[in-house]
PDB file of all heavy atoms in Angstrom:
ATOM      1  N   LEU A   1     -61.437   5.124 -19.226  1.00  0.00           N
ATOM      2  CA  LEU A   1     -60.554   6.103 -18.611  1.00  0.00           C
ATOM      3  C   LEU A   1     -61.229   6.712 -17.402  1.00  0.00           C
ATOM      4  O   LEU A   1     -62.362   7.214 -17.534  1.00  0.00           O
ATOM      5  CB  LEU A   1     -60.156   7.175 -19.645  1.00  0.00           C
ATOM      6  CG  LEU A   1     -59.100   8.202 -19.172  1.00  0.00           C
ATOM      7  CD1 LEU A   1     -57.745   7.557 -18.899  1.00  0.00           C
ATOM      8  CD2 LEU A   1     -58.954   9.340 -20.166  1.00  0.00           C
ATOM      9  N   ASP A   2     -60.602   6.634 -16.258  1.00  0.00           N
ATOM     10  CA  ASP A   2     -61.107   7.184 -15.038  1.00  0.00           C
ATOM     11  C   ASP A   2     -62.582   6.780 -14.743  1.00  0.00           C
ATOM     12  O   ASP A   2     -63.450   7.595 -14.440  1.00  0.00           O
ATOM     13  CB  ASP A   2     -61.045   8.730 -15.098  1.00  0.00           C
ATOM     14  CG  ASP A   2     -59.633   9.246 -15.053  1.00  0.00           C
ATOM     15  OD1 ASP A   2     -58.792   8.585 -14.398  1.00  0.00           O
ATOM     16  OD2 ASP A   2     -59.365  10.291 -15.661  1.00  0.00           O
ATOM     17  N   GLY A   3     -62.808   5.497 -14.933  1.00  0.00           N
ATOM     18  CA  GLY A   3     -64.123   4.925 -14.596  1.00  0.00           C
ATOM     19  C   GLY A   3     -65.236   5.206 -15.531  1.00  0.00           C
ATOM     20  O   GLY A   3     -66.431   5.064 -15.122  1.00  0.00           O
ATOM     21  N   ALA A   4     -64.933   5.603 -16.774  1.00  0.00           N
ATOM     22  CA  ALA A   4     -65.966   5.870 -17.738  1.00  0.00           C
ATOM     23  C   ALA A   4     -65.579   5.282 -19.114  1.00  0.00           C
ATOM     24  O   ALA A   4     -64.362   5.112 -19.361  1.00  0.00           O
ATOM     25  CB  ALA A   4     -66.227   7.348 -17.866  1.00  0.00           C
ATOM     26  N   VAL A   5     -66.557   5.079 -19.954  1.00  0.00           N
ATOM     27  CA  VAL A   5     -66.236   4.622 -21.297  1.00  0.00           C
ATOM     28  C   VAL A   5     -65.844   5.910 -22.069  1.00  0.00           C
ATOM     29  O   VAL A   5     -66.604   6.766 -22.336  1.00  0.00           O
ATOM     30  CB  VAL A   5     -67.448   4.009 -21.998  1.00  0.00           C
ATOM     31  CG1 VAL A   5     -67.124   3.613 -23.432  1.00  0.00           C
ATOM     32  CG2 VAL A   5     -67.942   2.772 -21.226  1.00  0.00           C
ATOM     33  N   HIS A   6     -64.527   5.964 -22.432  1.00  0.00           N
ATOM     34  CA  HIS A   6     -63.980   7.169 -23.043  1.00  0.00           C
ATOM     35  C   HIS A   6     -64.199   7.165 -24.586  1.00  0.00           C
ATOM     36  O   HIS A   6     -64.418   8.214 -25.161  1.00  0.00           O
ATOM     37  CB  HIS A   6     -62.496   7.230 -22.719  1.00  0.00           C
ATOM     38  CG  HIS A   6     -61.875   8.590 -22.917  1.00  0.00           C
ATOM     39  ND1 HIS A   6     -62.360   9.729 -22.271  1.00  0.00           N
ATOM     40  CD2 HIS A   6     -60.835   9.020 -23.668  1.00  0.00           C
ATOM     41  CE1 HIS A   6     -61.644  10.779 -22.630  1.00  0.00           C
ATOM     42  NE2 HIS A   6     -60.714  10.354 -23.440  1.00  0.00           N
ATOM     43  N   THR A   7     -64.094   6.004 -25.174  1.00  0.00           N
ATOM     44  CA  THR A   7     -64.418   5.850 -26.632  1.00  0.00           C
ATOM     45  C   THR A   7     -64.578   4.342 -26.840  1.00  0.00           C
ATOM     46  O   THR A   7     -64.233   3.544 -26.013  1.00  0.00           O
ATOM     47  CB  THR A   7     -63.354   6.446 -27.546  1.00  0.00           C
ATOM     48  OG1 THR A   7     -63.801   6.386 -28.901  1.00  0.00           O
ATOM     49  CG2 THR A   7     -62.032   5.715 -27.422  1.00  0.00           C
ATOM     50  N   ALA A   8     -65.149   3.996 -28.003  1.00  0.00           N
ATOM     51  CA  ALA A   8     -65.411   2.546 -28.285  1.00  0.00           C
ATOM     52  C   ALA A   8     -65.675   2.358 -29.758  1.00  0.00           C
ATOM     53  O   ALA A   8     -65.886   3.299 -30.541  1.00  0.00           O
ATOM     54  CB  ALA A   8     -66.646   2.106 -27.439  1.00  0.00           C
ATOM     55  N   GLY A   9     -65.647   1.082 -30.133  1.00  0.00           N
ATOM     56  CA  GLY A   9     -65.936   0.743 -31.552  1.00  0.00           C
ATOM     57  C   GLY A   9     -66.134  -0.770 -31.719  1.00  0.00           C
ATOM     58  O   GLY A   9     -65.640  -1.552 -30.852  1.00  0.00           O
ATOM     59  N   GLN A  10     -66.812  -1.154 -32.754  1.00  0.00           N
ATOM     60  CA  GLN A  10     -66.971  -2.577 -33.050  1.00  0.00           C
ATOM     61  C   GLN A  10     -65.726  -3.072 -33.759  1.00  0.00           C
ATOM     62  O   GLN A  10     -65.115  -2.356 -34.554  1.00  0.00           O
ATOM     63  CB  GLN A  10     -68.172  -2.807 -33.956  1.00  0.00           C
ATOM     64  CG  GLN A  10     -68.391  -4.295 -34.325  1.00  0.00           C
ATOM     65  CD  GLN A  10     -69.642  -4.505 -35.176  1.00  0.00           C
ATOM     66  OE1 GLN A  10     -70.717  -3.947 -34.856  1.00  0.00           O
ATOM     67  NE2 GLN A  10     -69.558  -5.307 -36.176  1.00  0.00           N
ATOM     68  N   TYR A  11     -65.336  -4.328 -33.476  1.00  0.00           N
ATOM     69  CA  TYR A  11     -64.179  -4.925 -34.174  1.00  0.00           C
ATOM     70  C   TYR A  11     -64.437  -6.279 -34.774  1.00  0.00           C
ATOM     71  O   TYR A  11     -63.614  -6.768 -35.565  1.00  0.00           O
ATOM     72  CB  TYR A  11     -62.968  -5.010 -33.260  1.00  0.00           C
ATOM     73  CG  TYR A  11     -63.073  -5.940 -32.072  1.00  0.00           C
ATOM     74  CD1 TYR A  11     -62.748  -7.305 -32.194  1.00  0.00           C
ATOM     75  CD2 TYR A  11     -63.548  -5.513 -30.828  1.00  0.00           C
ATOM     76  CE1 TYR A  11     -62.873  -8.168 -31.139  1.00  0.00           C
ATOM     77  CE2 TYR A  11     -63.651  -6.374 -29.777  1.00  0.00           C
ATOM     78  CZ  TYR A  11     -63.332  -7.693 -29.913  1.00  0.00           C
ATOM     79  OH  TYR A  11     -63.420  -8.547 -28.833  1.00  0.00           O
ATOM     80  N   ALA A  12     -65.578  -6.882 -34.434  1.00  0.00           N
ATOM     81  CA  ALA A  12     -65.842  -8.211 -35.032  1.00  0.00           C
ATOM     82  C   ALA A  12     -67.321  -8.530 -35.133  1.00  0.00           C
ATOM     83  O   ALA A  12     -68.111  -7.967 -34.351  1.00  0.00           O
ATOM     84  CB  ALA A  12     -65.129  -9.316 -34.221  1.00  0.00           C
ATOM     85  N   GLU A  13     -67.645  -9.416 -36.049  1.00  0.00           N
ATOM     86  CA  GLU A  13     -69.002  -9.914 -36.220  1.00  0.00           C
ATOM     87  C   GLU A  13     -68.917 -11.382 -36.602  1.00  0.00           C
ATOM     88  O   GLU A  13     -68.244 -11.722 -37.570  1.00  0.00           O
ATOM     89  CB  GLU A  13     -69.759  -9.092 -37.258  1.00  0.00           C
ATOM     90  CG  GLU A  13     -71.248  -9.426 -37.367  1.00  0.00           C
ATOM     91  CD  GLU A  13     -71.923  -8.467 -38.326  1.00  0.00           C
ATOM     92  OE1 GLU A  13     -72.328  -7.344 -37.859  1.00  0.00           O
ATOM     93  OE2 GLU A  13     -72.072  -8.800 -39.498  1.00  0.00           O
ATOM     94  N   MET A  14     -69.582 -12.230 -35.835  1.00  0.00           N
ATOM     95  CA  MET A  14     -69.528 -13.673 -36.023  1.00  0.00           C
ATOM     96  C   MET A  14     -68.108 -14.203 -36.175  1.00  0.00           C
ATOM     97  O   MET A  14     -67.799 -15.018 -37.033  1.00  0.00           O
ATOM     98  CB  MET A  14     -70.366 -14.072 -37.282  1.00  0.00           C
ATOM     99  CG  MET A  14     -71.825 -13.668 -37.149  1.00  0.00           C
ATOM    100  SD  MET A  14     -72.647 -14.340 -35.667  1.00  0.00           S
ATOM    101  CE  MET A  14     -72.475 -16.111 -35.964  1.00  0.00           C
ATOM    102  N   GLY A  15     -67.231 -13.675 -35.325  1.00  0.00           N
ATOM    103  CA  GLY A  15     -65.865 -14.127 -35.315  1.00  0.00           C
ATOM    104  C   GLY A  15     -64.953 -13.600 -36.362  1.00  0.00           C
ATOM    105  O   GLY A  15     -63.763 -13.959 -36.412  1.00  0.00           O
ATOM    106  N   ARG A  16     -65.456 -12.745 -37.243  1.00  0.00           N
ATOM    107  CA  ARG A  16     -64.641 -12.158 -38.321  1.00  0.00           C
ATOM    108  C   ARG A  16     -64.469 -10.659 -38.109  1.00  0.00           C
ATOM    109  O   ARG A  16     -65.374 -10.005 -37.551  1.00  0.00           O
ATOM    110  CB  ARG A  16     -65.341 -12.399 -39.657  1.00  0.00           C
ATOM    111  CG  ARG A  16     -65.400 -13.861 -40.055  1.00  0.00           C
ATOM    112  CD  ARG A  16     -66.166 -14.018 -41.405  1.00  0.00           C
ATOM    113  NE  ARG A  16     -66.272 -15.394 -41.806  1.00  0.00           N
ATOM    114  CZ  ARG A  16     -65.341 -16.068 -42.523  1.00  0.00           C
ATOM    115  NH1 ARG A  16     -64.246 -15.379 -42.920  1.00  0.00           N
ATOM    116  NH2 ARG A  16     -65.500 -17.304 -42.858  1.00  0.00           N
ATOM    117  N   LEU A  17     -63.346 -10.140 -38.541  1.00  0.00           N
ATOM    118  CA  LEU A  17     -63.081  -8.732 -38.397  1.00  0.00           C
ATOM    119  C   LEU A  17     -64.150  -7.939 -39.138  1.00  0.00           C
ATOM    120  O   LEU A  17     -64.407  -8.106 -40.331  1.00  0.00           O
ATOM    121  CB  LEU A  17     -61.707  -8.396 -38.990  1.00  0.00           C
ATOM    122  CG  LEU A  17     -61.248  -6.947 -38.827  1.00  0.00           C
ATOM    123  CD1 LEU A  17     -61.004  -6.627 -37.357  1.00  0.00           C
ATOM    124  CD2 LEU A  17     -59.992  -6.685 -39.639  1.00  0.00           C
ATOM    125  N   ARG A  18     -64.775  -7.063 -38.439  1.00  0.00           N
ATOM    126  CA  ARG A  18     -65.755  -6.152 -38.980  1.00  0.00           C
ATOM    127  C   ARG A  18     -65.754  -4.859 -38.152  1.00  0.00           C
ATOM    128  O   ARG A  18     -66.243  -4.847 -37.002  1.00  0.00           O
ATOM    129  CB  ARG A  18     -67.174  -6.777 -39.020  1.00  0.00           C
ATOM    130  CG  ARG A  18     -68.182  -5.877 -39.767  1.00  0.00           C
ATOM    131  CD  ARG A  18     -69.517  -6.532 -39.850  1.00  0.00           C
ATOM    132  NE  ARG A  18     -70.512  -5.734 -40.522  1.00  0.00           N
ATOM    133  CZ  ARG A  18     -70.732  -5.658 -41.841  1.00  0.00           C
ATOM    134  NH1 ARG A  18     -69.957  -6.429 -42.623  1.00  0.00           N
ATOM    135  NH2 ARG A  18     -71.604  -4.882 -42.383  1.00  0.00           N
ATOM    136  N   LEU A  19     -65.264  -3.818 -38.726  1.00  0.00           N
ATOM    137  CA  LEU A  19     -65.112  -2.562 -38.009  1.00  0.00           C
ATOM    138  C   LEU A  19     -66.347  -1.672 -38.171  1.00  0.00           C
ATOM    139  O   LEU A  19     -66.989  -1.669 -39.233  1.00  0.00           O
ATOM    140  CB  LEU A  19     -63.863  -1.822 -38.491  1.00  0.00           C
ATOM    141  CG  LEU A  19     -62.551  -2.574 -38.465  1.00  0.00           C
ATOM    142  CD1 LEU A  19     -61.401  -1.683 -38.916  1.00  0.00           C
ATOM    143  CD2 LEU A  19     -62.287  -3.158 -37.100  1.00  0.00           C
ATOM    144  N   GLY A  20     -66.667  -0.939 -37.098  1.00  0.00           N
ATOM    145  CA  GLY A  20     -67.795  -0.055 -37.160  1.00  0.00           C
ATOM    146  C   GLY A  20     -67.915   0.722 -35.847  1.00  0.00           C
ATOM    147  O   GLY A  20     -67.154   0.558 -34.947  1.00  0.00           O
ATOM    148  N   PRO A  21     -68.928   1.556 -35.801  1.00  0.00           N
ATOM    149  CA  PRO A  21     -69.158   2.340 -34.553  1.00  0.00           C
ATOM    150  C   PRO A  21     -69.669   1.446 -33.433  1.00  0.00           C
ATOM    151  O   PRO A  21     -70.121   0.339 -33.667  1.00  0.00           O
ATOM    152  CB  PRO A  21     -70.223   3.380 -35.011  1.00  0.00           C
ATOM    153  CG  PRO A  21     -70.954   2.695 -36.093  1.00  0.00           C
ATOM    154  CD  PRO A  21     -69.960   1.878 -36.831  1.00  0.00           C
ATOM    155  N   ALA A  22     -69.599   1.972 -32.260  1.00  0.00           N
ATOM    156  CA  ALA A  22     -70.070   1.232 -31.104  1.00  0.00           C
ATOM    157  C   ALA A  22     -71.587   1.237 -31.021  1.00  0.00           C
ATOM    158  O   ALA A  22     -72.197   2.331 -31.216  1.00  0.00           O
ATOM    159  CB  ALA A  22     -69.462   1.802 -29.795  1.00  0.00           C
ATOM    160  N   HIS A  23     -72.218   0.109 -30.804  1.00  0.00           N
ATOM    161  CA  HIS A  23     -73.657  -0.006 -30.634  1.00  0.00           C
ATOM    162  C   HIS A  23     -74.024   0.623 -29.311  1.00  0.00           C
ATOM    163  O   HIS A  23     -73.277   0.476 -28.277  1.00  0.00           O
ATOM    164  CB  HIS A  23     -74.034  -1.464 -30.683  1.00  0.00           C
ATOM    165  CG  HIS A  23     -75.527  -1.696 -30.795  1.00  0.00           C
ATOM    166  ND1 HIS A  23     -76.385  -1.550 -29.682  1.00  0.00           N
ATOM    167  CD2 HIS A  23     -76.294  -2.072 -31.848  1.00  0.00           C
ATOM    168  CE1 HIS A  23     -77.637  -1.865 -30.090  1.00  0.00           C
ATOM    169  NE2 HIS A  23     -77.577  -2.149 -31.400  1.00  0.00           N
ATOM    170  N   GLY A  24     -75.113   1.313 -29.249  1.00  0.00           N
ATOM    171  CA  GLY A  24     -75.575   1.923 -27.964  1.00  0.00           C
ATOM    172  C   GLY A  24     -75.735   0.965 -26.828  1.00  0.00           C
ATOM    173  O   GLY A  24     -75.404   1.267 -25.666  1.00  0.00           O
ATOM    174  N   ASP A  25     -76.152  -0.282 -27.113  1.00  0.00           N
ATOM    175  CA  ASP A  25     -76.292  -1.281 -26.087  1.00  0.00           C
ATOM    176  C   ASP A  25     -74.949  -1.732 -25.533  1.00  0.00           C
ATOM    177  O   ASP A  25     -74.805  -2.071 -24.367  1.00  0.00           O
ATOM    178  CB  ASP A  25     -77.060  -2.510 -26.629  1.00  0.00           C
ATOM    179  CG  ASP A  25     -78.528  -2.203 -26.820  1.00  0.00           C
ATOM    180  OD1 ASP A  25     -79.016  -1.164 -26.311  1.00  0.00           O
ATOM    181  OD2 ASP A  25     -79.228  -3.006 -27.449  1.00  0.00           O
ATOM    182  N   ALA A  26     -73.904  -1.695 -26.371  1.00  0.00           N
ATOM    183  CA  ALA A  26     -72.578  -2.024 -25.937  1.00  0.00           C
ATOM    184  C   ALA A  26     -72.086  -0.988 -24.941  1.00  0.00           C
ATOM    185  O   ALA A  26     -71.453  -1.307 -23.934  1.00  0.00           O
ATOM    186  CB  ALA A  26     -71.592  -2.125 -27.148  1.00  0.00           C
ATOM    187  N   LEU A  27     -72.301   0.260 -25.231  1.00  0.00           N
ATOM    188  CA  LEU A  27     -71.965   1.319 -24.302  1.00  0.00           C
ATOM    189  C   LEU A  27     -72.685   1.225 -23.012  1.00  0.00           C
ATOM    190  O   LEU A  27     -72.106   1.391 -21.912  1.00  0.00           O
ATOM    191  CB  LEU A  27     -72.212   2.708 -24.962  1.00  0.00           C
ATOM    192  CG  LEU A  27     -71.460   2.956 -26.262  1.00  0.00           C
ATOM    193  CD1 LEU A  27     -71.860   4.338 -26.866  1.00  0.00           C
ATOM    194  CD2 LEU A  27     -69.958   2.920 -26.083  1.00  0.00           C
ATOM    195  N   ALA A  28     -74.003   0.891 -23.062  1.00  0.00           N
ATOM    196  CA  ALA A  28     -74.780   0.751 -21.870  1.00  0.00           C
ATOM    197  C   ALA A  28     -74.259  -0.426 -21.011  1.00  0.00           C
ATOM    198  O   ALA A  28     -74.145  -0.316 -19.776  1.00  0.00           O
ATOM    199  CB  ALA A  28     -76.228   0.537 -22.225  1.00  0.00           C
ATOM    200  N   PHE A  29     -73.906  -1.504 -21.678  1.00  0.00           N
ATOM    201  CA  PHE A  29     -73.373  -2.677 -20.953  1.00  0.00           C
ATOM    202  C   PHE A  29     -72.015  -2.333 -20.341  1.00  0.00           C
ATOM    203  O   PHE A  29     -71.697  -2.716 -19.230  1.00  0.00           O
ATOM    204  CB  PHE A  29     -73.242  -3.875 -21.855  1.00  0.00           C
ATOM    205  CG  PHE A  29     -72.694  -5.096 -21.149  1.00  0.00           C
ATOM    206  CD1 PHE A  29     -73.443  -5.731 -20.149  1.00  0.00           C
ATOM    207  CD2 PHE A  29     -71.460  -5.585 -21.493  1.00  0.00           C
ATOM    208  CE1 PHE A  29     -72.935  -6.840 -19.507  1.00  0.00           C
ATOM    209  CE2 PHE A  29     -70.940  -6.709 -20.809  1.00  0.00           C
ATOM    210  CZ  PHE A  29     -71.692  -7.353 -19.813  1.00  0.00           C
ATOM    211  N   GLY A  30     -71.215  -1.526 -21.045  1.00  0.00           N
ATOM    212  CA  GLY A  30     -69.935  -1.107 -20.489  1.00  0.00           C
ATOM    213  C   GLY A  30     -70.136  -0.287 -19.203  1.00  0.00           C
ATOM    214  O   GLY A  30     -69.381  -0.480 -18.259  1.00  0.00           O
ATOM    215  N   ARG A  31     -71.159   0.515 -19.183  1.00  0.00           N
ATOM    216  CA  ARG A  31     -71.430   1.268 -17.964  1.00  0.00           C
ATOM    217  C   ARG A  31     -71.832   0.323 -16.812  1.00  0.00           C
ATOM    218  O   ARG A  31     -71.541   0.594 -15.636  1.00  0.00           O
ATOM    219  CB  ARG A  31     -72.497   2.352 -18.247  1.00  0.00           C
ATOM    220  CG  ARG A  31     -72.011   3.498 -19.130  1.00  0.00           C
ATOM    221  CD  ARG A  31     -72.999   4.629 -19.184  1.00  0.00           C
ATOM    222  NE  ARG A  31     -74.155   4.342 -19.959  1.00  0.00           N
ATOM    223  CZ  ARG A  31     -74.272   4.537 -21.296  1.00  0.00           C
ATOM    224  NH1 ARG A  31     -73.232   5.051 -21.992  1.00  0.00           N
ATOM    225  NH2 ARG A  31     -75.396   4.227 -21.928  1.00  0.00           N
ATOM    226  N   ASP A  32     -72.594  -0.735 -17.174  1.00  0.00           N
ATOM    227  CA  ASP A  32     -72.982  -1.687 -16.143  1.00  0.00           C
ATOM    228  C   ASP A  32     -71.758  -2.394 -15.573  1.00  0.00           C
ATOM    229  O   ASP A  32     -71.627  -2.612 -14.361  1.00  0.00           O
ATOM    230  CB  ASP A  32     -73.893  -2.771 -16.757  1.00  0.00           C
ATOM    231  CG  ASP A  32     -75.277  -2.225 -17.089  1.00  0.00           C
ATOM    232  OD1 ASP A  32     -75.642  -1.158 -16.572  1.00  0.00           O
ATOM    233  OD2 ASP A  32     -75.965  -2.916 -17.847  1.00  0.00           O
ATOM    234  N   VAL A  33     -70.795  -2.767 -16.457  1.00  0.00           N
ATOM    235  CA  VAL A  33     -69.550  -3.371 -16.011  1.00  0.00           C
ATOM    236  C   VAL A  33     -68.805  -2.458 -15.079  1.00  0.00           C
ATOM    237  O   VAL A  33     -68.278  -2.863 -14.028  1.00  0.00           O
ATOM    238  CB  VAL A  33     -68.642  -3.738 -17.229  1.00  0.00           C
ATOM    239  CG1 VAL A  33     -67.285  -4.267 -16.761  1.00  0.00           C
ATOM    240  CG2 VAL A  33     -69.345  -4.782 -18.096  1.00  0.00           C
ATOM    241  N   LEU A  34     -68.691  -1.154 -15.451  1.00  0.00           N
ATOM    242  CA  LEU A  34     -67.975  -0.212 -14.600  1.00  0.00           C
ATOM    243  C   LEU A  34     -68.684   0.008 -13.231  1.00  0.00           C
ATOM    244  O   LEU A  34     -68.051   0.138 -12.211  1.00  0.00           O
ATOM    245  CB  LEU A  34     -67.842   1.118 -15.346  1.00  0.00           C
ATOM    246  CG  LEU A  34     -66.791   1.123 -16.447  1.00  0.00           C
ATOM    247  CD1 LEU A  34     -66.928   2.330 -17.335  1.00  0.00           C
ATOM    248  CD2 LEU A  34     -65.374   1.032 -15.851  1.00  0.00           C
ATOM    249  N   ALA A  35     -70.028  -0.006 -13.288  1.00  0.00           N
ATOM    250  CA  ALA A  35     -70.726   0.116 -12.031  1.00  0.00           C
ATOM    251  C   ALA A  35     -70.425  -0.987 -11.059  1.00  0.00           C
ATOM    252  O   ALA A  35     -70.398  -0.810  -9.831  1.00  0.00           O
ATOM    253  CB  ALA A  35     -72.224   0.197 -12.276  1.00  0.00           C
ATOM    254  N   ALA A  36     -70.156  -2.185 -11.628  1.00  0.00           N
ATOM    255  CA  ALA A  36     -69.902  -3.328 -10.782  1.00  0.00           C
ATOM    256  C   ALA A  36     -68.422  -3.547 -10.511  1.00  0.00           C
ATOM    257  O   ALA A  36     -68.097  -4.161  -9.417  1.00  0.00           O
ATOM    258  CB  ALA A  36     -70.455  -4.592 -11.477  1.00  0.00           C
ATOM    259  N   ALA A  37     -67.537  -3.092 -11.369  1.00  0.00           N
ATOM    260  CA  ALA A  37     -66.125  -3.496 -11.252  1.00  0.00           C
ATOM    261  C   ALA A  37     -65.152  -2.388 -11.539  1.00  0.00           C
ATOM    262  O   ALA A  37     -63.952  -2.718 -11.719  1.00  0.00           O
ATOM    263  CB  ALA A  37     -65.908  -4.675 -12.166  1.00  0.00           C
ATOM    264  N   ALA A  38     -65.488  -1.188 -11.578  1.00  0.00           N
ATOM    265  CA  ALA A  38     -64.527  -0.082 -11.927  1.00  0.00           C
ATOM    266  C   ALA A  38     -63.368  -0.063 -10.906  1.00  0.00           C
ATOM    267  O   ALA A  38     -62.227   0.192 -11.386  1.00  0.00           O
ATOM    268  CB  ALA A  38     -65.254   1.240 -11.908  1.00  0.00           C
ATOM    269  N   ASP A  39     -63.623  -0.341  -9.656  1.00  0.00           N
ATOM    270  CA  ASP A  39     -62.561  -0.291  -8.684  1.00  0.00           C
ATOM    271  C   ASP A  39     -61.582  -1.417  -8.741  1.00  0.00           C
ATOM    272  O   ASP A  39     -60.589  -1.438  -8.024  1.00  0.00           O
ATOM    273  CB  ASP A  39     -63.094  -0.106  -7.273  1.00  0.00           C
ATOM    274  CG  ASP A  39     -63.939  -1.298  -6.834  1.00  0.00           C
ATOM    275  OD1 ASP A  39     -64.264  -2.208  -7.673  1.00  0.00           O
ATOM    276  OD2 ASP A  39     -64.438  -1.369  -5.672  1.00  0.00           O
TER     277      ASP A  39
END
């Protein structure tokens, strides 16, 4: 939302549904994606 990761969560592991909180590295990678492609 508005160029930032507003919320996140895990939804799969090894191709199978597995719900959980977002890993810190996933959030960091999301920020990298936004830095490159938010616009």
